[in-house]
Amino acid sequence: MIKIGAMYKVFFDDRSISLSMEPDRRQKYCLFHRFDNVRELYDTLILFENDNSIPTLNVYCTDIKHLWKSFRGFFKQVDAAGGLVRHSSGNYLIITRRGMADLPKGHTQKGEHYPDCAIREVTEECGIKGMKINSKLETTYHSYRSKGERILKSTHWYLMDYDGKMEGTPQTDEGISALNWMKPDELRSIRHKIWPSLAKLVDFAVKTG
């Protein structure tokens, strides 16, 4: 999920559901659903879940807070944090995980604060130390199945500054096969290779340099 004003966007791999206060006519959706009650909402979510021919769904309701709370009730909630690491040279750290361009991230531990989790996960997944939090970025959400449960994962992202060696060791037991330090202009070439939920973070890096 990326929260955009009064809208939430939730990713299901390469598909998405947008939650908004009114029908979102700015984009082309394959299915619209006006939220009136939880049972009908969940029936629509099950339809979307089971029919891969529906790439996009827009659920709308004037009470966006109630809609978001009801939507979240369909899933088990998990928290994670990660980092967009910017080297002092201007390069950004991109990992390759299971054949996809990705950013380092992972689940929070009990009682762990999001910034601490983000630093720890970058250290563990990339084998580098000395990152410093620069600022909080967007929070993204995506959904997946785990042991039969529907999971809604929130990932809290941080821009990190780093001035060490542009090296590192990929954490292979987490499916990471490579680390790449890329210039902002080079990031454009991987936008189609990265998960859609992370595309706006890549756009941020390209824009800010």
C-alpha atoms as a PDB file:
ATOM      1  CA  MET A   1       0.000   0.000   0.000  1.00  0.00           C
ATOM      2  CA  ILE A   2       1.026   3.532  -0.707  1.00  0.00           C
ATOM      3  CA  LYS A   3      -1.115   6.163   1.004  1.00  0.00           C
ATOM      4  CA  ILE A   4      -1.785   9.047  -1.378  1.00  0.00           C
ATOM      5  CA  GLY A   5      -3.772  11.803   0.295  1.00  0.00           C
ATOM      6  CA  ALA A   6      -7.196  10.269   0.937  1.00  0.00           C
ATOM      7  CA  MET A   7      -6.329   7.118  -1.035  1.00  0.00           C
ATOM      8  CA  TYR A   8      -4.655   3.818  -0.181  1.00  0.00           C
ATOM      9  CA  LYS A   9      -3.091   1.554  -2.788  1.00  0.00           C
ATOM     10  CA  VAL A  10      -2.530  -2.078  -1.893  1.00  0.00           C
ATOM     11  CA  PHE A  11      -0.404  -4.351  -4.086  1.00  0.00           C
ATOM     12  CA  PHE A  12      -0.962  -8.026  -4.803  1.00  0.00           C
ATOM     13  CA  ASP A  13       2.247  -8.777  -6.729  1.00  0.00           C
ATOM     14  CA  ASP A  14       1.553  -7.048 -10.077  1.00  0.00           C
ATOM     15  CA  ARG A  15      -2.124  -6.347  -9.322  1.00  0.00           C
ATOM     16  CA  SER A  16      -3.566  -3.667  -7.066  1.00  0.00           C
ATOM     17  CA  ILE A  17      -6.566  -2.449  -5.113  1.00  0.00           C
ATOM     18  CA  SER A  18      -7.113   1.262  -4.490  1.00  0.00           C
ATOM     19  CA  LEU A  19      -9.264   2.547  -1.644  1.00  0.00           C
ATOM     20  CA  SER A  20     -10.617   6.062  -2.068  1.00  0.00           C
ATOM     21  CA  MET A  21     -13.339   8.437  -0.855  1.00  0.00           C
ATOM     22  CA  GLU A  22     -15.041   8.511  -4.250  1.00  0.00           C
ATOM     23  CA  PRO A  23     -14.664   6.601  -7.523  1.00  0.00           C
ATOM     24  CA  ASP A  24     -11.162   7.212  -8.826  1.00  0.00           C
ATOM     25  CA  ARG A  25     -11.730   8.237 -12.432  1.00  0.00           C
ATOM     26  CA  ARG A  26      -8.135   9.375 -12.962  1.00  0.00           C
ATOM     27  CA  GLN A  27      -7.030   5.841 -13.705  1.00  0.00           C
ATOM     28  CA  LYS A  28      -8.576   2.973 -15.626  1.00  0.00           C
ATOM     29  CA  TYR A  29      -9.898   0.316 -13.256  1.00  0.00           C
ATOM     30  CA  CYS A  30     -11.328  -3.031 -14.267  1.00  0.00           C
ATOM     31  CA  LEU A  31     -13.742  -3.205 -11.339  1.00  0.00           C
ATOM     32  CA  PHE A  32     -15.377  -0.666  -9.010  1.00  0.00           C
ATOM     33  CA  HIS A  33     -17.057  -1.411  -5.688  1.00  0.00           C
ATOM     34  CA  ARG A  34     -18.942   1.021  -3.468  1.00  0.00           C
ATOM     35  CA  PHE A  35     -18.423   0.026   0.160  1.00  0.00           C
ATOM     36  CA  ASP A  36     -21.731  -0.340   2.014  1.00  0.00           C
ATOM     37  CA  ASN A  37     -21.122  -3.268   4.339  1.00  0.00           C
ATOM     38  CA  VAL A  38     -18.289  -5.553   5.348  1.00  0.00           C
ATOM     39  CA  ARG A  39     -19.813  -8.774   3.967  1.00  0.00           C
ATOM     40  CA  GLU A  40     -20.142  -7.355   0.451  1.00  0.00           C
ATOM     41  CA  LEU A  41     -16.619  -5.928   0.684  1.00  0.00           C
ATOM     42  CA  TYR A  42     -15.178  -9.304   1.639  1.00  0.00           C
ATOM     43  CA  ASP A  43     -17.114 -11.031  -1.167  1.00  0.00           C
ATOM     44  CA  THR A  44     -15.561  -8.550  -3.617  1.00  0.00           C
ATOM     45  CA  LEU A  45     -12.088  -9.135  -2.195  1.00  0.00           C
ATOM     46  CA  ILE A  46     -12.547 -12.893  -2.568  1.00  0.00           C
ATOM     47  CA  LEU A  47     -13.647 -12.347  -6.179  1.00  0.00           C
ATOM     48  CA  PHE A  48     -10.541 -10.264  -6.846  1.00  0.00           C
ATOM     49  CA  GLU A  49      -8.345 -12.816  -5.080  1.00  0.00           C
ATOM     50  CA  ASN A  50      -9.644 -15.730  -7.154  1.00  0.00           C
ATOM     51  CA  ASP A  51      -9.860 -14.034 -10.553  1.00  0.00           C
ATOM     52  CA  ASN A  52      -6.429 -13.086 -11.889  1.00  0.00           C
ATOM     53  CA  SER A  53      -8.059 -11.540 -14.955  1.00  0.00           C
ATOM     54  CA  ILE A  54      -8.985  -8.546 -12.742  1.00  0.00           C
ATOM     55  CA  PRO A  55      -5.755  -6.502 -12.527  1.00  0.00           C
ATOM     56  CA  THR A  56      -7.201  -3.484 -10.695  1.00  0.00           C
ATOM     57  CA  LEU A  57     -10.020  -2.821  -8.244  1.00  0.00           C
ATOM     58  CA  ASN A  58     -11.217   0.495  -6.828  1.00  0.00           C
ATOM     59  CA  VAL A  59     -13.197   0.359  -3.574  1.00  0.00           C
ATOM     60  CA  TYR A  60     -14.652   3.691  -2.500  1.00  0.00           C
ATOM     61  CA  CYS A  61     -16.469   5.178   0.490  1.00  0.00           C
ATOM     62  CA  THR A  62     -16.753   8.709   1.882  1.00  0.00           C
ATOM     63  CA  ASP A  63     -15.648   7.406   5.300  1.00  0.00           C
ATOM     64  CA  ILE A  64     -12.148   6.335   4.248  1.00  0.00           C
ATOM     65  CA  LYS A  65     -11.066   5.562   7.822  1.00  0.00           C
ATOM     66  CA  HIS A  66     -13.923   3.101   8.273  1.00  0.00           C
ATOM     67  CA  LEU A  67     -13.220   1.564   4.876  1.00  0.00           C
ATOM     68  CA  TRP A  68      -9.519   1.137   5.652  1.00  0.00           C
ATOM     69  CA  LYS A  69     -10.266  -0.430   9.054  1.00  0.00           C
ATOM     70  CA  SER A  70     -12.778  -2.828   7.507  1.00  0.00           C
ATOM     71  CA  PHE A  71     -10.384  -3.705   4.680  1.00  0.00           C
ATOM     72  CA  ARG A  72      -7.578  -4.498   7.111  1.00  0.00           C
ATOM     73  CA  GLY A  73      -9.862  -6.851   9.023  1.00  0.00           C
ATOM     74  CA  PHE A  74      -9.762  -9.236   6.063  1.00  0.00           C
ATOM     75  CA  PHE A  75      -6.054  -9.922   6.667  1.00  0.00           C
ATOM     76  CA  LYS A  76      -3.506 -10.858   9.302  1.00  0.00           C
ATOM     77  CA  GLN A  77      -1.288  -7.809   9.921  1.00  0.00           C
ATOM     78  CA  VAL A  78       2.521  -7.957   9.871  1.00  0.00           C
ATOM     79  CA  ASP A  79       5.060  -5.118  10.092  1.00  0.00           C
ATOM     80  CA  ALA A  80       8.396  -4.690   8.347  1.00  0.00           C
ATOM     81  CA  ALA A  81      10.926  -1.949   7.633  1.00  0.00           C
ATOM     82  CA  GLY A  82      13.585  -1.326   5.030  1.00  0.00           C
ATOM     83  CA  GLY A  83      16.020   1.143   3.598  1.00  0.00           C
ATOM     84  CA  LEU A  84      16.695   3.096   0.441  1.00  0.00           C
ATOM     85  CA  VAL A  85      20.456   3.424   0.908  1.00  0.00           C
ATOM     86  CA  ARG A  86      22.171   6.423  -0.728  1.00  0.00           C
ATOM     87  CA  HIS A  87      25.954   6.470  -0.914  1.00  0.00           C
ATOM     88  CA  SER A  88      27.870   9.737  -0.540  1.00  0.00           C
ATOM     89  CA  SER A  89      28.810   9.331  -4.233  1.00  0.00           C
ATOM     90  CA  GLY A  90      25.123   9.575  -5.156  1.00  0.00           C
ATOM     91  CA  ASN A  91      24.691   5.879  -5.979  1.00  0.00           C
ATOM     92  CA  TYR A  92      21.800   3.832  -4.560  1.00  0.00           C
ATOM     93  CA  LEU A  93      21.898   0.246  -3.306  1.00  0.00           C
ATOM     94  CA  ILE A  94      19.691  -2.212  -5.217  1.00  0.00           C
ATOM     95  CA  ILE A  95      19.546  -5.909  -4.454  1.00  0.00           C
ATOM     96  CA  THR A  96      18.472  -8.844  -6.604  1.00  0.00           C
ATOM     97  CA  ARG A  97      16.137 -11.180  -4.740  1.00  0.00           C
ATOM     98  CA  ARG A  98      14.772 -14.270  -6.467  1.00  0.00           C
ATOM     99  CA  GLY A  99      15.371 -12.730  -9.861  1.00  0.00           C
ATOM    100  CA  MET A 100      13.662  -9.392  -9.094  1.00  0.00           C
ATOM    101  CA  ALA A 101      15.203  -5.995  -8.366  1.00  0.00           C
ATOM    102  CA  ASP A 102      14.406  -5.170  -4.746  1.00  0.00           C
ATOM    103  CA  LEU A 103      15.347  -3.099  -1.697  1.00  0.00           C
ATOM    104  CA  PRO A 104      16.573  -4.541   1.615  1.00  0.00           C
ATOM    105  CA  LYS A 105      13.799  -5.013   4.175  1.00  0.00           C
ATOM    106  CA  GLY A 106      12.473  -7.453   6.746  1.00  0.00           C
ATOM    107  CA  HIS A 107      10.030  -8.117   9.563  1.00  0.00           C
ATOM    108  CA  THR A 108      10.224  -6.261  12.836  1.00  0.00           C
ATOM    109  CA  GLN A 109      11.178  -8.153  15.967  1.00  0.00           C
ATOM    110  CA  LYS A 110       9.102  -7.927  19.142  1.00  0.00           C
ATOM    111  CA  GLY A 111       9.400  -4.431  20.627  1.00  0.00           C
ATOM    112  CA  GLU A 112      11.691  -3.218  17.828  1.00  0.00           C
ATOM    113  CA  HIS A 113      11.228   0.305  16.476  1.00  0.00           C
ATOM    114  CA  TYR A 114      10.879   0.697  12.713  1.00  0.00           C
ATOM    115  CA  PRO A 115      14.104   2.718  12.144  1.00  0.00           C
ATOM    116  CA  ASP A 116      16.112   0.161  14.156  1.00  0.00           C
ATOM    117  CA  CYS A 117      14.575  -2.677  12.163  1.00  0.00           C
ATOM    118  CA  ALA A 118      15.412  -0.939   8.878  1.00  0.00           C
ATOM    119  CA  ILE A 119      19.069  -0.489   9.865  1.00  0.00           C
ATOM    120  CA  ARG A 120      19.319  -4.085  11.106  1.00  0.00           C
ATOM    121  CA  GLU A 121      17.781  -5.533   7.959  1.00  0.00           C
ATOM    122  CA  VAL A 122      20.080  -3.580   5.641  1.00  0.00           C
ATOM    123  CA  THR A 123      23.068  -4.750   7.683  1.00  0.00           C
ATOM    124  CA  GLU A 124      21.950  -8.388   7.632  1.00  0.00           C
ATOM    125  CA  GLU A 125      20.841  -8.561   4.011  1.00  0.00           C
ATOM    126  CA  CYS A 126      23.675  -6.525   2.488  1.00  0.00           C
ATOM    127  CA  GLY A 127      26.619  -6.940   4.872  1.00  0.00           C
ATOM    128  CA  ILE A 128      27.304  -3.217   5.301  1.00  0.00           C
ATOM    129  CA  LYS A 129      27.429  -1.051   8.415  1.00  0.00           C
ATOM    130  CA  GLY A 130      27.407   2.628   9.272  1.00  0.00           C
ATOM    131  CA  MET A 131      24.135   3.712   7.653  1.00  0.00           C
ATOM    132  CA  LYS A 132      22.374   6.713   9.175  1.00  0.00           C
ATOM    133  CA  ILE A 133      18.689   7.497   8.875  1.00  0.00           C
ATOM    134  CA  ASN A 134      18.141  10.629   6.802  1.00  0.00           C
ATOM    135  CA  SER A 135      14.339  10.760   6.652  1.00  0.00           C
ATOM    136  CA  LYS A 136      11.145   8.704   6.704  1.00  0.00           C
ATOM    137  CA  LEU A 137       9.824   7.742   3.284  1.00  0.00           C
ATOM    138  CA  GLU A 138       6.509   6.189   2.297  1.00  0.00           C
ATOM    139  CA  THR A 139       4.948   3.158   3.900  1.00  0.00           C
ATOM    140  CA  THR A 140       4.018   0.489   1.362  1.00  0.00           C
ATOM    141  CA  TYR A 141       1.639  -2.415   1.773  1.00  0.00           C
ATOM    142  CA  HIS A 142       1.267  -5.614  -0.133  1.00  0.00           C
ATOM    143  CA  SER A 143      -0.688  -8.809   0.373  1.00  0.00           C
ATOM    144  CA  TYR A 144       0.303 -12.444   0.017  1.00  0.00           C
ATOM    145  CA  ARG A 145      -0.579 -15.884   1.324  1.00  0.00           C
ATOM    146  CA  SER A 146       1.437 -17.657   4.032  1.00  0.00           C
ATOM    147  CA  LYS A 147       0.443 -21.072   5.344  1.00  0.00           C
ATOM    148  CA  GLY A 148      -3.063 -20.489   4.086  1.00  0.00           C
ATOM    149  CA  GLU A 149      -3.442 -17.090   5.776  1.00  0.00           C
ATOM    150  CA  ARG A 150      -4.050 -13.820   3.988  1.00  0.00           C
ATOM    151  CA  ILE A 151      -1.265 -11.435   5.027  1.00  0.00           C
ATOM    152  CA  LEU A 152      -1.256  -7.645   4.769  1.00  0.00           C
ATOM    153  CA  LYS A 153       2.335  -6.527   5.209  1.00  0.00           C
ATOM    154  CA  SER A 154       3.211  -2.917   5.969  1.00  0.00           C
ATOM    155  CA  THR A 155       6.781  -1.906   5.177  1.00  0.00           C
ATOM    156  CA  HIS A 156       8.088   1.339   6.650  1.00  0.00           C
ATOM    157  CA  TRP A 157      10.785   2.819   4.416  1.00  0.00           C
ATOM    158  CA  TYR A 158      13.686   5.109   5.350  1.00  0.00           C
ATOM    159  CA  LEU A 159      16.193   7.042   3.294  1.00  0.00           C
ATOM    160  CA  MET A 160      19.647   6.163   4.638  1.00  0.00           C
ATOM    161  CA  ASP A 161      22.990   7.885   4.105  1.00  0.00           C
ATOM    162  CA  TYR A 162      26.127   5.759   3.788  1.00  0.00           C
ATOM    163  CA  ASP A 163      29.748   6.698   3.081  1.00  0.00           C
ATOM    164  CA  GLY A 164      31.526   3.347   3.413  1.00  0.00           C
ATOM    165  CA  LYS A 165      32.847   1.090   0.679  1.00  0.00           C
ATOM    166  CA  MET A 166      30.433   0.300  -2.148  1.00  0.00           C
ATOM    167  CA  GLU A 167      30.768  -3.400  -1.531  1.00  0.00           C
ATOM    168  CA  GLY A 168      28.763  -5.793   0.629  1.00  0.00           C
ATOM    169  CA  THR A 169      27.768  -9.428   0.966  1.00  0.00           C
ATOM    170  CA  PRO A 170      24.319 -10.575  -0.157  1.00  0.00           C
ATOM    171  CA  GLN A 171      22.403 -12.705   2.349  1.00  0.00           C
ATOM    172  CA  THR A 172      21.891 -15.753   0.146  1.00  0.00           C
ATOM    173  CA  ASP A 173      19.646 -17.612   2.600  1.00  0.00           C
ATOM    174  CA  GLU A 174      17.146 -14.770   2.101  1.00  0.00           C
ATOM    175  CA  GLY A 175      17.196 -15.324  -1.652  1.00  0.00           C
ATOM    176  CA  ILE A 176      19.505 -12.374  -2.366  1.00  0.00           C
ATOM    177  CA  SER A 177      21.927 -13.127  -5.186  1.00  0.00           C
ATOM    178  CA  ALA A 178      23.508  -9.732  -5.954  1.00  0.00           C
ATOM    179  CA  LEU A 179      24.098  -6.177  -4.737  1.00  0.00           C
ATOM    180  CA  ASN A 180      24.389  -3.269  -7.153  1.00  0.00           C
ATOM    181  CA  TRP A 181      25.254   0.377  -6.540  1.00  0.00           C
ATOM    182  CA  MET A 182      23.450   2.339  -9.215  1.00  0.00           C
ATOM    183  CA  LYS A 183      23.430   5.970 -10.309  1.00  0.00           C
ATOM    184  CA  PRO A 184      20.016   7.684 -10.350  1.00  0.00           C
ATOM    185  CA  ASP A 185      19.904   7.643 -14.157  1.00  0.00           C
ATOM    186  CA  GLU A 186      20.628   3.903 -14.152  1.00  0.00           C
ATOM    187  CA  LEU A 187      17.652   3.244 -11.893  1.00  0.00           C
ATOM    188  CA  ARG A 188      15.288   4.019 -14.766  1.00  0.00           C
ATOM    189  CA  SER A 189      16.454   0.830 -16.462  1.00  0.00           C
ATOM    190  CA  ILE A 190      15.282  -1.386 -13.581  1.00  0.00           C
ATOM    191  CA  ARG A 191      11.873   0.172 -12.988  1.00  0.00           C
ATOM    192  CA  HIS A 192      10.161  -2.608 -14.958  1.00  0.00           C
ATOM    193  CA  LYS A 193      12.156  -5.232 -13.037  1.00  0.00           C
ATOM    194  CA  ILE A 194      11.227  -4.081  -9.532  1.00  0.00           C
ATOM    195  CA  TRP A 195       8.048  -4.889  -7.636  1.00  0.00           C
ATOM    196  CA  PRO A 196       5.305  -2.353  -8.483  1.00  0.00           C
ATOM    197  CA  SER A 197       4.964  -1.483  -4.785  1.00  0.00           C
ATOM    198  CA  LEU A 198       8.538  -0.136  -4.844  1.00  0.00           C
ATOM    199  CA  ALA A 199       8.336   1.828  -8.089  1.00  0.00           C
ATOM    200  CA  LYS A 200       7.597   5.140  -6.344  1.00  0.00           C
ATOM    201  CA  LEU A 201      10.698   4.722  -4.161  1.00  0.00           C
ATOM    202  CA  VAL A 202      12.811   4.262  -7.276  1.00  0.00           C
ATOM    203  CA  ASP A 203      11.154   7.337  -8.800  1.00  0.00           C
ATOM    204  CA  PHE A 204      12.064   9.280  -5.646  1.00  0.00           C
ATOM    205  CA  ALA A 205      15.720   8.270  -6.013  1.00  0.00           C
ATOM    206  CA  VAL A 206      15.759   9.231  -9.703  1.00  0.00           C
ATOM    207  CA  LYS A 207      14.166  12.602  -8.960  1.00  0.00           C
ATOM    208  CA  THR A 208      16.288  13.568  -5.943  1.00  0.00           C
ATOM    209  CA  GLY A 209      19.569  12.232  -7.320  1.00  0.00           C
END
